[in-house]
Protein backbone atom coordinates (compact mmCIF):
# COMPACT_ATOMS: atom_id res chain seq x y z
CA UNK A 1 -20.69 -24.22 18.18
CA UNK A 2 -22.98 -26.36 20.05
CA UNK A 3 -24.31 -30.04 19.07
CA UNK A 4 -27.21 -30.44 21.08
CA UNK A 5 -27.59 -33.83 19.66
CA UNK A 6 -24.47 -35.49 20.91
CA UNK A 7 -24.80 -37.87 23.43
CA UNK A 8 -22.83 -37.96 26.69
CA UNK A 9 -21.40 -40.37 28.98
CA UNK A 10 -24.39 -41.61 30.89
CA UNK A 11 -26.82 -39.62 29.22
CA UNK A 12 -30.12 -41.79 27.88
CA UNK A 13 -30.26 -42.49 24.37
CA UNK A 14 -32.87 -39.66 23.59
CA UNK A 15 -31.39 -37.26 25.52
CA UNK A 16 -34.87 -36.07 26.88
CA UNK A 17 -33.98 -36.55 30.85
CA UNK A 18 -30.81 -33.89 30.54
CA UNK A 19 -31.66 -31.48 27.93
CA UNK A 20 -32.75 -28.19 29.13
CA UNK A 21 -35.93 -26.34 28.49
CA UNK A 22 -34.20 -23.69 26.20
CA UNK A 23 -32.93 -25.77 23.08
CA UNK A 24 -30.64 -23.11 22.37
CA UNK A 25 -28.36 -23.79 25.42
CA UNK A 26 -26.06 -26.77 25.68
CA UNK A 27 -27.04 -29.36 27.90
CA UNK A 28 -24.20 -31.50 30.10
CA UNK A 29 -24.42 -34.40 27.27
CA UNK A 30 -23.75 -31.54 24.49
CA UNK A 31 -20.30 -31.00 22.48
CA UNK A 32 -18.89 -27.91 22.43
CA UNK A 33 -16.44 -27.05 19.38
CA UNK A 34 -14.43 -24.39 20.63
CA UNK A 35 -12.18 -21.86 18.26
CA UNK A 36 -9.81 -20.07 20.58
CA UNK A 37 -9.70 -16.15 19.38
CA UNK A 38 -5.61 -16.25 19.66
CA UNK A 39 -5.86 -18.73 16.34
CA UNK A 40 -7.98 -15.95 14.51
CA UNK A 41 -5.67 -13.28 15.64
CA UNK A 42 -2.68 -15.27 14.15
CA UNK A 43 -4.26 -16.13 10.69
CA UNK A 44 -5.20 -12.37 10.46
CA UNK A 45 -1.58 -11.35 11.15
CA UNK A 46 -0.22 -14.11 8.72
CA UNK A 47 -2.46 -12.99 6.21
CA UNK A 48 -1.78 -9.34 6.46
CA UNK A 49 1.88 -9.94 6.18
CA UNK A 50 1.70 -12.41 3.41
CA UNK A 51 -0.24 -9.90 1.29
CA UNK A 52 1.79 -6.93 1.78
CA UNK A 53 4.95 -8.94 0.68
CA UNK A 54 3.60 -10.10 -2.14
CA UNK A 55 2.35 -6.34 -2.92
CA UNK A 56 6.08 -5.00 -2.31
CA UNK A 57 7.16 -8.05 -4.68
CA UNK A 58 5.01 -7.43 -7.47
CA UNK A 59 4.95 -3.05 -7.37
CA UNK A 60 8.50 -1.66 -6.65
CA UNK A 61 6.50 1.83 -6.36
CA UNK A 62 4.68 0.47 -3.64
CA UNK A 63 7.55 -1.24 -1.97
CA UNK A 64 8.87 2.14 -1.37
CA UNK A 65 5.58 3.61 0.15
CA UNK A 66 6.18 1.72 3.50
CA UNK A 67 3.45 1.60 5.80
CA UNK A 68 2.49 2.09 9.27
CA UNK A 69 -0.67 0.85 11.71
CA UNK A 70 -1.99 3.22 13.19
CA UNK A 71 -5.61 3.78 15.44
CA UNK A 72 -7.02 6.30 12.89
CA UNK A 73 -6.05 8.10 9.57
CA UNK A 74 -6.48 11.73 9.69
CA UNK A 75 -7.19 13.76 6.57
CA UNK A 76 -4.23 15.50 5.05
CA UNK A 77 -3.56 18.75 3.61
CA UNK A 78 -2.06 20.31 0.82
CA UNK A 79 -1.34 24.01 0.78
CA UNK A 80 -2.37 25.59 -2.76
CA UNK A 81 -0.66 28.35 -4.33
CA UNK A 82 -3.82 30.66 -3.73
CA UNK A 83 -3.43 29.97 0.10
CA UNK A 84 -6.32 27.88 0.27
CA UNK A 85 -5.69 24.06 1.42
CA UNK A 86 -6.82 20.95 -0.65
CA UNK A 87 -8.14 18.09 1.85
CA UNK A 88 -7.20 14.94 1.08
CA UNK A 89 -9.57 12.39 2.70
CA UNK A 90 -8.53 9.02 3.35
CA UNK A 91 -9.68 6.07 1.02
CA UNK A 92 -10.81 2.76 1.62
CA UNK A 93 -9.78 -0.50 -0.12
CA UNK A 94 -11.50 -4.14 0.39
CA UNK A 95 -10.40 -7.68 -1.08
CA UNK A 96 -12.89 -10.76 -0.69
CA UNK A 97 -11.41 -14.40 -0.75
CA UNK A 98 -12.60 -17.80 0.27
CA UNK A 99 -10.77 -20.86 1.38
CA UNK A 100 -12.56 -24.10 2.01
CA UNK A 101 -11.31 -25.61 5.17
CA UNK A 102 -11.01 -29.39 4.14
CA UNK A 103 -8.12 -29.20 1.58
CA UNK A 104 -6.52 -27.10 3.88
CA UNK A 105 -6.54 -29.41 6.97
CA UNK A 106 -5.95 -32.51 4.74
CA UNK A 107 -3.03 -30.43 3.37
CA UNK A 108 -3.41 -29.04 0.39
CA UNK A 109 -2.75 -25.47 0.26
CA UNK A 110 -3.45 -24.64 -3.70
CA UNK A 111 -6.81 -23.22 -3.00
CA UNK A 112 -5.10 -20.96 -0.13
CA UNK A 113 -1.90 -19.71 -2.00
CA UNK A 114 -4.42 -18.72 -5.09
CA UNK A 115 -6.94 -17.01 -3.16
CA UNK A 116 -4.07 -14.77 -0.85
CA UNK A 117 -2.73 -14.19 -4.23
CA UNK A 118 -5.93 -12.81 -5.77
CA UNK A 119 -6.04 -10.53 -2.44
CA UNK A 120 -2.85 -9.28 -2.96
CA UNK A 121 -3.89 -8.11 -6.59
CA UNK A 122 -6.78 -6.46 -5.30
CA UNK A 123 -5.59 -4.55 -2.83
CA UNK A 124 -2.45 -3.60 -4.96
CA UNK A 125 -4.85 -2.32 -8.03
CA UNK A 126 -7.26 -0.12 -5.78
CA UNK A 127 -4.25 1.07 -3.81
CA UNK A 128 -2.02 2.55 -6.93
CA UNK A 129 -4.93 3.49 -8.46
CA UNK A 130 -6.35 5.72 -5.86
CA UNK A 131 -2.17 6.56 -4.64
CA UNK A 132 -1.97 7.92 -8.35
CA UNK A 133 -5.53 9.48 -8.47
CA UNK A 134 -4.67 11.43 -5.36
CA UNK A 135 -0.93 12.49 -7.01
CA UNK A 136 -2.59 13.59 -10.33
CA UNK A 137 -5.34 15.99 -8.42
CA UNK A 138 -3.00 17.48 -6.16
CA UNK A 139 -0.46 18.10 -9.21
CA UNK A 140 -3.29 19.43 -11.41
CA UNK A 141 -4.31 22.15 -8.46
CA UNK A 142 -0.82 22.97 -7.62
CA UNK A 143 0.03 23.58 -11.02
CA UNK A 144 2.68 21.18 -10.78
CA UNK A 145 1.91 19.60 -14.24
CA UNK A 146 3.46 19.15 -17.83
CA UNK A 147 1.62 18.89 -20.95
CA UNK A 148 3.68 16.22 -23.02
CA UNK A 149 2.63 16.58 -26.74
CA UNK A 150 4.80 14.31 -29.70
CA UNK A 151 8.11 14.84 -27.75
CA UNK A 152 7.90 12.73 -24.95
CA UNK A 153 11.84 13.26 -24.57
CA UNK A 154 11.09 17.18 -24.36
CA UNK A 155 8.39 16.21 -21.79
CA UNK A 156 10.37 14.53 -19.16
CA UNK A 157 12.85 17.32 -19.49
CA UNK A 158 10.41 19.78 -18.43
CA UNK A 159 9.00 17.44 -15.84
CA UNK A 160 12.56 17.66 -14.60
CA UNK A 161 12.40 21.03 -14.24
CA UNK A 162 9.76 21.68 -11.55
CA UNK A 163 10.73 18.52 -9.97
CA UNK A 164 12.29 19.01 -6.45
CA UNK A 165 15.32 16.46 -6.35
CA UNK A 166 16.64 15.08 -3.42
CA UNK A 167 20.72 14.38 -3.45
CA UNK A 168 22.68 12.25 -0.57
CA UNK A 169 25.73 13.14 1.37
CA UNK A 170 27.71 12.50 -1.81
CA UNK A 171 25.80 14.25 -4.52
CA UNK A 172 24.30 11.52 -5.52
CA UNK A 173 20.55 11.93 -6.37
CA UNK A 174 18.36 10.01 -4.40
CA UNK A 175 14.75 11.32 -6.37
CA UNK A 176 13.00 9.12 -8.72
CA UNK A 177 9.94 9.88 -10.92
CA UNK A 178 7.12 7.39 -9.97
CA UNK A 179 5.13 5.95 -13.28
CA UNK A 180 2.01 4.14 -13.07
CA UNK A 181 2.82 0.61 -14.38
CA UNK A 182 0.87 1.20 -17.61
CA UNK A 183 3.55 4.49 -18.59
CA UNK A 184 6.52 2.70 -17.31
CA UNK A 185 8.08 1.50 -20.01
CA UNK A 186 6.97 4.20 -22.31
CA UNK A 187 8.94 6.58 -20.29
CA UNK A 188 11.66 4.12 -20.28
CA UNK A 189 11.99 4.35 -23.93
CA UNK A 190 11.76 8.22 -23.95
CA UNK A 191 14.83 8.34 -21.39
CA UNK A 192 17.08 5.75 -23.54
CA UNK A 193 15.76 7.51 -26.71
CA UNK A 194 17.89 11.05 -25.45
CA UNK A 195 19.92 13.11 -28.27
CA UNK A 196 23.34 14.05 -26.88
CA UNK A 197 21.89 17.48 -26.46
CA UNK A 198 19.02 16.16 -24.20
CA UNK A 199 21.63 14.24 -22.17
CA UNK A 200 23.16 17.19 -21.84
CA UNK A 201 20.39 19.27 -20.95
CA UNK A 202 19.41 16.54 -18.58
CA UNK A 203 22.83 16.75 -16.60
CA UNK A 204 22.57 20.36 -16.50
CA UNK A 205 19.22 20.43 -14.41
CA UNK A 206 20.29 17.76 -12.30
CA UNK A 207 23.89 19.69 -11.89
CA UNK A 208 21.53 22.78 -10.95
CA UNK A 209 19.53 21.30 -8.68
CA UNK A 210 21.92 19.89 -6.78
CA UNK A 211 23.39 23.02 -6.56
CA UNK A 212 20.34 24.58 -4.79
CA UNK A 213 19.75 21.44 -2.68
CA UNK A 214 22.79 22.17 -0.82
CA UNK A 215 22.51 25.77 -0.41
CA UNK A 216 19.30 25.66 0.93
CA UNK A 217 20.82 23.09 3.26
CA UNK A 218 23.44 25.27 3.93
CA UNK A 219 21.01 28.35 4.88
CA UNK A 220 19.04 25.74 7.57
CA UNK A 221 22.09 25.70 9.60
CA UNK A 222 21.81 26.74 13.03
CA UNK A 223 23.84 30.31 14.09
CA UNK A 224 26.56 30.21 16.42
CA UNK A 225 26.01 31.59 19.39
CA UNK A 226 29.12 33.46 21.70
CA UNK A 227 29.80 34.44 24.45
C-alpha cells in the first residue's frame, strides 16, 4: 500500500518537486508497506489445519471420513438396481468470519479464537448436512432403506440385515453405523433396550455376515498355477 503523502529524506515539505504526474504511482519519497505472499499462505495453511482439527474433535463421524487435497473433484456415480447410474455432484461449502488486526498485534487472540471456532462450526454443519442428504438419496434410490415404525429395536435389526459388514483378520467387526448427531442418542437407547431375544438375533446376524465375508474373501484368492 503506497502512501503518497509520506515524506522521504531530503524531500521538500510539500513534496511537489519529486511527486510524479501520476498520483497513483508512488514517488521516490513514498513509503511502501508490503505484505509478503508467504505470510498469507502460512496463515491460510494454519487456518485450514486448525479448523479441520476442530471439526474432527467435534464430530467423530467427520473425523472418520478422512480428507485429501486434490486439484479438482470429479462427479461420483452409483450403479442403481435397474442398471442406470446415479450421479453425485460435488458440493461447495463456504464459511465467513472477520478479525480486527490491532488486538491480534497486541497479543489479544480472543476474537481470533472465536472466529476460527465459528468457521469450524459453519463448515461442519454444511459438510455433514450435505453428506447425510447424499447418503439418504443414494440409499433411497438403491433400495437400501428400512422403515422404522414404533419398535425402533426391530428397525435396527432389519437395518443390520441389509447392511454390508466388514471384519478384521481376527473376526472382529470393523463396520459401524453412521448416525447423525440428532439421532445418535435415540439409536443408543434402542440398542441398550434390546431384549435377550433381540440380542441373540443381533449376534446371529453378525455371525452370518462374518461367515459370508470370509467366504467371499476365499473366493477372491488367485488360483495357483502348476508346471
